[in-house]
Protein backbone atom coordinates (compact mmCIF):
# COMPACT_ATOMS: atom_id res chain seq x y z
CA MET A 1 153.35 67.15 -93.54
CA PRO A 2 152.97 63.36 -93.85
CA THR A 3 153.91 61.05 -91.01
CA VAL A 4 155.36 57.58 -91.56
CA ASN A 5 156.17 54.92 -89.01
CA MET A 6 159.71 53.68 -88.40
CA HIS A 7 159.21 50.39 -90.25
CA GLU A 8 157.86 52.15 -93.33
CA ALA A 9 160.73 54.67 -93.18
CA LYS A 10 163.31 51.87 -93.10
CA THR A 11 161.59 49.99 -95.90
CA HIS A 12 161.10 53.00 -98.19
CA LEU A 13 164.02 55.24 -97.23
CA SER A 14 165.07 55.90 -100.84
CA ARG A 15 161.55 57.05 -101.77
CA LEU A 16 161.30 59.24 -98.69
CA VAL A 17 164.67 60.84 -99.43
CA ASP A 18 163.52 61.58 -102.99
CA ARG A 19 160.38 63.22 -101.62
CA ALA A 20 162.44 65.28 -99.18
CA ALA A 21 164.74 66.33 -102.03
CA ALA A 22 161.58 67.58 -103.79
CA ASN A 23 161.03 70.00 -100.84
CA GLU A 24 158.64 67.82 -98.84
CA GLU A 25 159.05 67.47 -95.08
CA ILE A 26 158.31 64.01 -93.66
CA VAL A 27 157.85 63.15 -89.99
CA ILE A 28 159.07 59.74 -88.81
CA ALA A 29 157.20 58.27 -85.83
CA LYS A 30 157.91 55.39 -83.47
CA ALA A 31 154.91 53.83 -81.76
CA GLY A 32 152.83 56.74 -83.04
CA LYS A 33 155.09 59.34 -81.42
CA PRO A 34 156.96 61.70 -83.79
CA ILE A 35 160.72 61.35 -83.24
CA ALA A 36 162.41 62.76 -86.35
CA LYS A 37 161.83 64.93 -89.38
CA LEU A 38 163.25 64.33 -92.84
CA VAL A 39 163.73 67.70 -94.55
CA PRO A 40 165.41 68.90 -97.75
CA LEU A 41 169.00 69.96 -97.39
CA THR A 42 169.54 73.63 -98.13
CA GLU A 43 172.75 74.68 -99.78
CA THR A 44 174.94 77.01 -97.77
CA LYS A 45 177.03 79.77 -99.24
CA PRO A 46 180.78 79.46 -98.78
CA ARG A 47 182.07 81.67 -95.99
CA PHE A 48 185.23 82.67 -97.81
CA ARG A 49 185.87 83.38 -101.44
CA PHE A 50 189.44 83.25 -102.66
CA GLY A 51 190.60 86.51 -104.13
CA THR A 52 188.42 88.81 -102.03
CA LEU A 53 191.51 90.55 -100.60
CA ALA A 54 193.38 90.74 -103.92
CA GLY A 55 195.17 94.07 -104.18
CA LEU A 56 194.49 94.97 -100.53
CA LEU A 57 197.48 93.22 -98.94
CA ARG A 58 201.15 93.63 -99.71
CA VAL A 59 203.87 91.12 -98.97
CA PRO A 60 207.23 92.82 -98.35
CA ASP A 61 210.13 91.83 -100.60
CA ASP A 62 212.26 90.87 -97.59
CA LEU A 63 209.64 88.60 -96.00
CA ASP A 64 211.97 85.60 -95.94
CA ALA A 65 215.11 87.56 -94.99
CA PRO A 66 216.97 86.44 -91.84
CA LEU A 67 215.95 88.11 -88.59
CA PRO A 68 218.27 90.63 -86.97
CA ALA A 69 220.76 89.16 -84.47
CA ASP A 70 219.19 90.88 -81.41
CA LEU A 71 215.75 89.49 -82.28
CA LEU A 72 217.16 85.97 -82.77
CA GLU A 73 218.82 86.20 -79.36
CA ALA A 74 215.47 87.14 -77.78
CA PHE A 75 213.88 84.00 -79.20
CA GLU A 76 216.75 81.76 -78.15
CA ALA A 77 216.98 83.08 -74.60
């Protein structure tokens, strides 16, 4: 794992990012002390896929029907 100093990292950031994109890890040091690591970004899988519950849920036909009077009164009280 190569180490580069801060000045070199600022000067050659584009090259270092290209190297990291090619699966190389690069340590950035300040005054000889490692302070950061440039690593390739791994793709994450989406947590939710649309359509996974298709056919498993049912929406009632009267979903948007008015609420019964006694239930409306409970909300308005």
